[in-house]
Amino acid sequence: MSKIIDARGLSCPQPVLLALNEIKKINKGEIVILVDTDTSKENVSRAATTQGWDVKSIESEGIGYRLTISKG
């Protein structure tokens, strides 16, 4: 079961901080992050990869994006 983080409506760095908090908590598995700006999409993707996570998919969803990251 994926953990879902809804960071829509939040401006950076909030989406990145929420994603990093979850990354530190679970250490491996799959996390879905919902964001609504290109900047948040890019920043969350970059933060995840610097932590050793893979960005499995980025899907346009309504007004924003659904990022799926995984590790392990």
PDB file of N, CA and C in Angstrom:
ATOM      1  N   MET A   1       0.847  -1.197   0.000  1.00  0.00           N
ATOM      2  CA  MET A   1       0.000   0.000   0.000  1.00  0.00           C
ATOM      3  C   MET A   1       0.879   1.241   0.000  1.00  0.00           C
ATOM      4  N   SER A   2       0.642   2.122  -0.945  1.00  0.00           N
ATOM      5  CA  SER A   2       1.421   3.349  -1.043  1.00  0.00           C
ATOM      6  C   SER A   2       0.940   4.375  -0.029  1.00  0.00           C
ATOM      7  N   LYS A   3       1.871   5.098   0.514  1.00  0.00           N
ATOM      8  CA  LYS A   3       1.561   6.252   1.347  1.00  0.00           C
ATOM      9  C   LYS A   3       1.276   7.401   0.390  1.00  0.00           C
ATOM     10  N   ILE A   4       0.193   8.155   0.618  1.00  0.00           N
ATOM     11  CA  ILE A   4      -0.141   9.281  -0.251  1.00  0.00           C
ATOM     12  C   ILE A   4       0.033  10.581   0.526  1.00  0.00           C
ATOM     13  N   ILE A   5       0.795  11.504  -0.059  1.00  0.00           N
ATOM     14  CA  ILE A   5       0.993  12.827   0.520  1.00  0.00           C
ATOM     15  C   ILE A   5       0.306  13.825  -0.399  1.00  0.00           C
ATOM     16  N   ASP A   6      -0.669  14.541   0.126  1.00  0.00           N
ATOM     17  CA  ASP A   6      -1.374  15.550  -0.667  1.00  0.00           C
ATOM     18  C   ASP A   6      -0.769  16.911  -0.354  1.00  0.00           C
ATOM     19  N   ALA A   7       0.093  17.379  -1.258  1.00  0.00           N
ATOM     20  CA  ALA A   7       0.762  18.665  -1.063  1.00  0.00           C
ATOM     21  C   ALA A   7       0.200  19.725  -2.007  1.00  0.00           C
ATOM     22  N   ARG A   8      -0.986  19.457  -2.560  1.00  0.00           N
ATOM     23  CA  ARG A   8      -1.605  20.438  -3.452  1.00  0.00           C
ATOM     24  C   ARG A   8      -1.978  21.687  -2.656  1.00  0.00           C
ATOM     25  N   GLY A   9      -1.761  22.838  -3.266  1.00  0.00           N
ATOM     26  CA  GLY A   9      -2.093  24.095  -2.605  1.00  0.00           C
ATOM     27  C   GLY A   9      -0.985  24.621  -1.711  1.00  0.00           C
ATOM     28  N   LEU A  10       0.074  23.839  -1.542  1.00  0.00           N
ATOM     29  CA  LEU A  10       1.197  24.274  -0.710  1.00  0.00           C
ATOM     30  C   LEU A  10       2.307  24.789  -1.601  1.00  0.00           C
ATOM     31  N   SER A  11       2.975  25.855  -1.147  1.00  0.00           N
ATOM     32  CA  SER A  11       4.083  26.376  -1.940  1.00  0.00           C
ATOM     33  C   SER A  11       5.396  25.827  -1.401  1.00  0.00           C
ATOM     34  N   CYS A  12       6.385  25.788  -2.273  1.00  0.00           N
ATOM     35  CA  CYS A  12       7.694  25.279  -1.864  1.00  0.00           C
ATOM     36  C   CYS A  12       8.244  26.156  -0.745  1.00  0.00           C
ATOM     37  N   PRO A  13       8.914  25.549   0.219  1.00  0.00           N
ATOM     38  CA  PRO A  13       9.428  24.175   0.211  1.00  0.00           C
ATOM     39  C   PRO A  13       8.511  23.146   0.867  1.00  0.00           C
ATOM     40  N   GLN A  14       7.278  23.471   1.210  1.00  0.00           N
ATOM     41  CA  GLN A  14       6.402  22.546   1.935  1.00  0.00           C
ATOM     42  C   GLN A  14       6.262  21.171   1.292  1.00  0.00           C
ATOM     43  N   PRO A  15       5.957  21.064  -0.025  1.00  0.00           N
ATOM     44  CA  PRO A  15       5.833  19.723  -0.620  1.00  0.00           C
ATOM     45  C   PRO A  15       7.116  18.900  -0.489  1.00  0.00           C
ATOM     46  N   VAL A  16       8.268  19.547  -0.651  1.00  0.00           N
ATOM     47  CA  VAL A  16       9.552  18.850  -0.529  1.00  0.00           C
ATOM     48  C   VAL A  16       9.749  18.368   0.906  1.00  0.00           C
ATOM     49  N   LEU A  17       9.459  19.226   1.878  1.00  0.00           N
ATOM     50  CA  LEU A  17       9.633  18.851   3.283  1.00  0.00           C
ATOM     51  C   LEU A  17       8.720  17.694   3.672  1.00  0.00           C
ATOM     52  N   LEU A  18       7.474  17.723   3.204  1.00  0.00           N
ATOM     53  CA  LEU A  18       6.546  16.619   3.487  1.00  0.00           C
ATOM     54  C   LEU A  18       7.056  15.312   2.889  1.00  0.00           C
ATOM     55  N   ALA A  19       7.547  15.375   1.655  1.00  0.00           N
ATOM     56  CA  ALA A  19       8.079  14.175   1.002  1.00  0.00           C
ATOM     57  C   ALA A  19       9.311  13.658   1.744  1.00  0.00           C
ATOM     58  N   LEU A  20      10.228  14.561   2.107  1.00  0.00           N
ATOM     59  CA  LEU A  20      11.447  14.134   2.806  1.00  0.00           C
ATOM     60  C   LEU A  20      11.136  13.549   4.173  1.00  0.00           C
ATOM     61  N   ASN A  21      10.151  14.111   4.879  1.00  0.00           N
ATOM     62  CA  ASN A  21       9.742  13.551   6.171  1.00  0.00           C
ATOM     63  C   ASN A  21       9.275  12.116   6.021  1.00  0.00           C
ATOM     64  N   GLU A  22       8.472  11.863   5.000  1.00  0.00           N
ATOM     65  CA  GLU A  22       7.954  10.516   4.769  1.00  0.00           C
ATOM     66  C   GLU A  22       9.074   9.570   4.341  1.00  0.00           C
ATOM     67  N   ILE A  23       9.988  10.056   3.498  1.00  0.00           N
ATOM     68  CA  ILE A  23      11.137   9.255   3.064  1.00  0.00           C
ATOM     69  C   ILE A  23      11.941   8.813   4.287  1.00  0.00           C
ATOM     70  N   LYS A  24      12.178   9.737   5.215  1.00  0.00           N
ATOM     71  CA  LYS A  24      12.949   9.408   6.423  1.00  0.00           C
ATOM     72  C   LYS A  24      12.200   8.414   7.305  1.00  0.00           C
ATOM     73  N   LYS A  25      10.862   8.520   7.321  1.00  0.00           N
ATOM     74  CA  LYS A  25      10.044   7.637   8.168  1.00  0.00           C
ATOM     75  C   LYS A  25      10.043   6.198   7.677  1.00  0.00           C
ATOM     76  N   ILE A  26       9.820   6.013   6.365  1.00  0.00           N
ATOM     77  CA  ILE A  26       9.614   4.636   5.903  1.00  0.00           C
ATOM     78  C   ILE A  26      10.857   3.993   5.288  1.00  0.00           C
ATOM     79  N   ASN A  27      11.816   4.802   4.836  1.00  0.00           N
ATOM     80  CA  ASN A  27      13.111   4.299   4.363  1.00  0.00           C
ATOM     81  C   ASN A  27      13.063   3.466   3.077  1.00  0.00           C
ATOM     82  N   LYS A  28      11.966   2.738   2.836  1.00  0.00           N
ATOM     83  CA  LYS A  28      11.809   2.031   1.564  1.00  0.00           C
ATOM     84  C   LYS A  28      10.329   1.786   1.322  1.00  0.00           C
ATOM     85  N   GLY A  29      10.007   1.448   0.082  1.00  0.00           N
ATOM     86  CA  GLY A  29       8.606   1.232  -0.275  1.00  0.00           C
ATOM     87  C   GLY A  29       8.197   2.168  -1.388  1.00  0.00           C
ATOM     88  N   GLU A  30       6.949   2.628  -1.342  1.00  0.00           N
ATOM     89  CA  GLU A  30       6.423   3.485  -2.390  1.00  0.00           C
ATOM     90  C   GLU A  30       5.643   4.631  -1.766  1.00  0.00           C
ATOM     91  N   ILE A  31       5.858   5.825  -2.303  1.00  0.00           N
ATOM     92  CA  ILE A  31       5.155   7.019  -1.829  1.00  0.00           C
ATOM     93  C   ILE A  31       4.578   7.736  -3.046  1.00  0.00           C
ATOM     94  N   VAL A  32       3.345   8.184  -2.927  1.00  0.00           N
ATOM     95  CA  VAL A  32       2.705   8.994  -3.962  1.00  0.00           C
ATOM     96  C   VAL A  32       2.588  10.410  -3.413  1.00  0.00           C
ATOM     97  N   ILE A  33       3.080  11.383  -4.175  1.00  0.00           N
ATOM     98  CA  ILE A  33       2.998  12.778  -3.758  1.00  0.00           C
ATOM     99  C   ILE A  33       2.159  13.533  -4.775  1.00  0.00           C
ATOM    100  N   LEU A  34       1.136  14.217  -4.300  1.00  0.00           N
ATOM    101  CA  LEU A  34       0.270  15.017  -5.163  1.00  0.00           C
ATOM    102  C   LEU A  34       0.691  16.480  -5.040  1.00  0.00           C
ATOM    103  N   VAL A  35       1.021  17.107  -6.174  1.00  0.00           N
ATOM    104  CA  VAL A  35       1.415  18.515  -6.187  1.00  0.00           C
ATOM    105  C   VAL A  35       0.658  19.224  -7.301  1.00  0.00           C
ATOM    106  N   ASP A  36       0.633  20.566  -7.231  1.00  0.00           N
ATOM    107  CA  ASP A  36      -0.138  21.275  -8.246  1.00  0.00           C
ATOM    108  C   ASP A  36       0.661  22.329  -9.011  1.00  0.00           C
ATOM    109  N   THR A  37       1.996  22.305  -8.885  1.00  0.00           N
ATOM    110  CA  THR A  37       2.803  23.233  -9.685  1.00  0.00           C
ATOM    111  C   THR A  37       3.991  22.505 -10.314  1.00  0.00           C
ATOM    112  N   ASP A  38       4.470  23.051 -11.422  1.00  0.00           N
ATOM    113  CA  ASP A  38       5.665  22.495 -12.073  1.00  0.00           C
ATOM    114  C   ASP A  38       6.869  22.575 -11.146  1.00  0.00           C
ATOM    115  N   THR A  39       6.975  23.691 -10.416  1.00  0.00           N
ATOM    116  CA  THR A  39       8.101  23.878  -9.497  1.00  0.00           C
ATOM    117  C   THR A  39       8.117  22.795  -8.427  1.00  0.00           C
ATOM    118  N   SER A  40       6.966  22.536  -7.829  1.00  0.00           N
ATOM    119  CA  SER A  40       6.891  21.491  -6.804  1.00  0.00           C
ATOM    120  C   SER A  40       7.222  20.132  -7.389  1.00  0.00           C
ATOM    121  N   LYS A  41       6.721  19.862  -8.603  1.00  0.00           N
ATOM    122  CA  LYS A  41       7.008  18.585  -9.272  1.00  0.00           C
ATOM    123  C   LYS A  41       8.514  18.402  -9.429  1.00  0.00           C
ATOM    124  N   GLU A  42       9.189  19.432  -9.939  1.00  0.00           N
ATOM    125  CA  GLU A  42      10.631  19.351 -10.161  1.00  0.00           C
ATOM    126  C   GLU A  42      11.391  19.225  -8.840  1.00  0.00           C
ATOM    127  N   ASN A  43      11.021  20.026  -7.852  1.00  0.00           N
ATOM    128  CA  ASN A  43      11.743  20.029  -6.578  1.00  0.00           C
ATOM    129  C   ASN A  43      11.564  18.725  -5.805  1.00  0.00           C
ATOM    130  N   VAL A  44      10.353  18.180  -5.796  1.00  0.00           N
ATOM    131  CA  VAL A  44      10.110  16.910  -5.106  1.00  0.00           C
ATOM    132  C   VAL A  44      10.859  15.780  -5.820  1.00  0.00           C
ATOM    133  N   SER A  45      10.842  15.774  -7.145  1.00  0.00           N
ATOM    134  CA  SER A  45      11.562  14.752  -7.907  1.00  0.00           C
ATOM    135  C   SER A  45      13.049  14.806  -7.598  1.00  0.00           C
ATOM    136  N   ARG A  46      13.606  16.003  -7.597  1.00  0.00           N
ATOM    137  CA  ARG A  46      15.038  16.182  -7.330  1.00  0.00           C
ATOM    138  C   ARG A  46      15.384  15.743  -5.910  1.00  0.00           C
ATOM    139  N   ALA A  47      14.555  16.133  -4.945  1.00  0.00           N
ATOM    140  CA  ALA A  47      14.806  15.769  -3.544  1.00  0.00           C
ATOM    141  C   ALA A  47      14.764  14.257  -3.362  1.00  0.00           C
ATOM    142  N   ALA A  48      13.798  13.600  -4.003  1.00  0.00           N
ATOM    143  CA  ALA A  48      13.674  12.142  -3.875  1.00  0.00           C
ATOM    144  C   ALA A  48      14.905  11.433  -4.437  1.00  0.00           C
ATOM    145  N   THR A  49      15.356  11.869  -5.610  1.00  0.00           N
ATOM    146  CA  THR A  49      16.503  11.198  -6.215  1.00  0.00           C
ATOM    147  C   THR A  49      17.777  11.435  -5.408  1.00  0.00           C
ATOM    148  N   THR A  50      17.930  12.605  -4.796  1.00  0.00           N
ATOM    149  CA  THR A  50      19.124  12.844  -3.981  1.00  0.00           C
ATOM    150  C   THR A  50      19.119  11.983  -2.722  1.00  0.00           C
ATOM    151  N   GLN A  51      17.940  11.497  -2.321  1.00  0.00           N
ATOM    152  CA  GLN A  51      17.828  10.602  -1.172  1.00  0.00           C
ATOM    153  C   GLN A  51      17.941   9.130  -1.575  1.00  0.00           C
ATOM    154  N   GLY A  52      18.189   8.873  -2.869  1.00  0.00           N
ATOM    155  CA  GLY A  52      18.355   7.505  -3.338  1.00  0.00           C
ATOM    156  C   GLY A  52      17.063   6.827  -3.756  1.00  0.00           C
ATOM    157  N   TRP A  53      16.003   7.600  -3.917  1.00  0.00           N
ATOM    158  CA  TRP A  53      14.718   7.052  -4.357  1.00  0.00           C
ATOM    159  C   TRP A  53      14.584   7.202  -5.865  1.00  0.00           C
ATOM    160  N   ASP A  54      13.802   6.316  -6.480  1.00  0.00           N
ATOM    161  CA  ASP A  54      13.541   6.384  -7.918  1.00  0.00           C
ATOM    162  C   ASP A  54      12.190   7.039  -8.159  1.00  0.00           C
ATOM    163  N   VAL A  55      12.142   7.927  -9.142  1.00  0.00           N
ATOM    164  CA  VAL A  55      10.863   8.496  -9.560  1.00  0.00           C
ATOM    165  C   VAL A  55      10.290   7.541 -10.590  1.00  0.00           C
ATOM    166  N   LYS A  56       9.283   6.753 -10.173  1.00  0.00           N
ATOM    167  CA  LYS A  56       8.701   5.735 -11.056  1.00  0.00           C
ATOM    168  C   LYS A  56       7.806   6.349 -12.121  1.00  0.00           C
ATOM    169  N   SER A  57       7.020   7.347 -11.733  1.00  0.00           N
ATOM    170  CA  SER A  57       6.135   7.965 -12.711  1.00  0.00           C
ATOM    171  C   SER A  57       5.730   9.361 -12.269  1.00  0.00           C
ATOM    172  N   ILE A  58       5.458  10.185 -13.269  1.00  0.00           N
ATOM    173  CA  ILE A  58       4.879  11.512 -13.048  1.00  0.00           C
ATOM    174  C   ILE A  58       3.704  11.614 -14.007  1.00  0.00           C
ATOM    175  N   GLU A  59       2.505  11.694 -13.444  1.00  0.00           N
ATOM    176  CA  GLU A  59       1.297  11.729 -14.263  1.00  0.00           C
ATOM    177  C   GLU A  59       0.580  13.049 -14.053  1.00  0.00           C
ATOM    178  N   SER A  60       0.100  13.637 -15.154  1.00  0.00           N
ATOM    179  CA  SER A  60      -0.755  14.807 -15.027  1.00  0.00           C
ATOM    180  C   SER A  60      -2.085  14.348 -14.454  1.00  0.00           C
ATOM    181  N   GLU A  61      -2.564  15.087 -13.473  1.00  0.00           N
ATOM    182  CA  GLU A  61      -3.816  14.696 -12.834  1.00  0.00           C
ATOM    183  C   GLU A  61      -4.615  15.955 -12.540  1.00  0.00           C
ATOM    184  N   GLY A  62      -5.645  16.192 -13.364  1.00  0.00           N
ATOM    185  CA  GLY A  62      -6.447  17.394 -13.161  1.00  0.00           C
ATOM    186  C   GLY A  62      -5.573  18.627 -13.289  1.00  0.00           C
ATOM    187  N   ILE A  63      -5.512  19.380 -12.203  1.00  0.00           N
ATOM    188  CA  ILE A  63      -4.763  20.631 -12.215  1.00  0.00           C
ATOM    189  C   ILE A  63      -3.296  20.444 -11.838  1.00  0.00           C
ATOM    190  N   GLY A  64      -2.923  19.247 -11.400  1.00  0.00           N
ATOM    191  CA  GLY A  64      -1.562  19.052 -10.922  1.00  0.00           C
ATOM    192  C   GLY A  64      -0.922  17.775 -11.413  1.00  0.00           C
ATOM    193  N   TYR A  65      -0.085  17.217 -10.546  1.00  0.00           N
ATOM    194  CA  TYR A  65       0.680  16.032 -10.893  1.00  0.00           C
ATOM    195  C   TYR A  65       0.642  15.004  -9.767  1.00  0.00           C
ATOM    196  N   ARG A  66       0.770  13.742 -10.166  1.00  0.00           N
ATOM    197  CA  ARG A  66       0.861  12.626  -9.225  1.00  0.00           C
ATOM    198  C   ARG A  66       2.219  11.987  -9.438  1.00  0.00           C
ATOM    199  N   LEU A  67       3.112  12.159  -8.460  1.00  0.00           N
ATOM    200  CA  LEU A  67       4.455  11.598  -8.536  1.00  0.00           C
ATOM    201  C   LEU A  67       4.473  10.315  -7.717  1.00  0.00           C
ATOM    202  N   THR A  68       5.011   9.260  -8.295  1.00  0.00           N
ATOM    203  CA  THR A  68       5.188   8.013  -7.562  1.00  0.00           C
ATOM    204  C   THR A  68       6.669   7.759  -7.453  1.00  0.00           C
ATOM    205  N   ILE A  69       7.147   7.653  -6.206  1.00  0.00           N
ATOM    206  CA  ILE A  69       8.566   7.377  -5.970  1.00  0.00           C
ATOM    207  C   ILE A  69       8.683   6.063  -5.205  1.00  0.00           C
ATOM    208  N   SER A  70       9.809   5.380  -5.396  1.00  0.00           N
ATOM    209  CA  SER A  70       9.972   4.112  -4.716  1.00  0.00           C
ATOM    210  C   SER A  70      11.437   3.851  -4.388  1.00  0.00           C
ATOM    211  N   LYS A  71      11.633   2.965  -3.431  1.00  0.00           N
ATOM    212  CA  LYS A  71      12.983   2.536  -3.049  1.00  0.00           C
ATOM    213  C   LYS A  71      12.885   1.147  -2.443  1.00  0.00           C
ATOM    214  N   GLY A  72      13.898   0.326  -2.762  1.00  0.00           N
ATOM    215  CA  GLY A  72      13.998  -0.994  -2.141  1.00  0.00           C
ATOM    216  C   GLY A  72      13.103  -1.984  -2.777  1.00  0.00           C
TER     217      GLY A  72
END
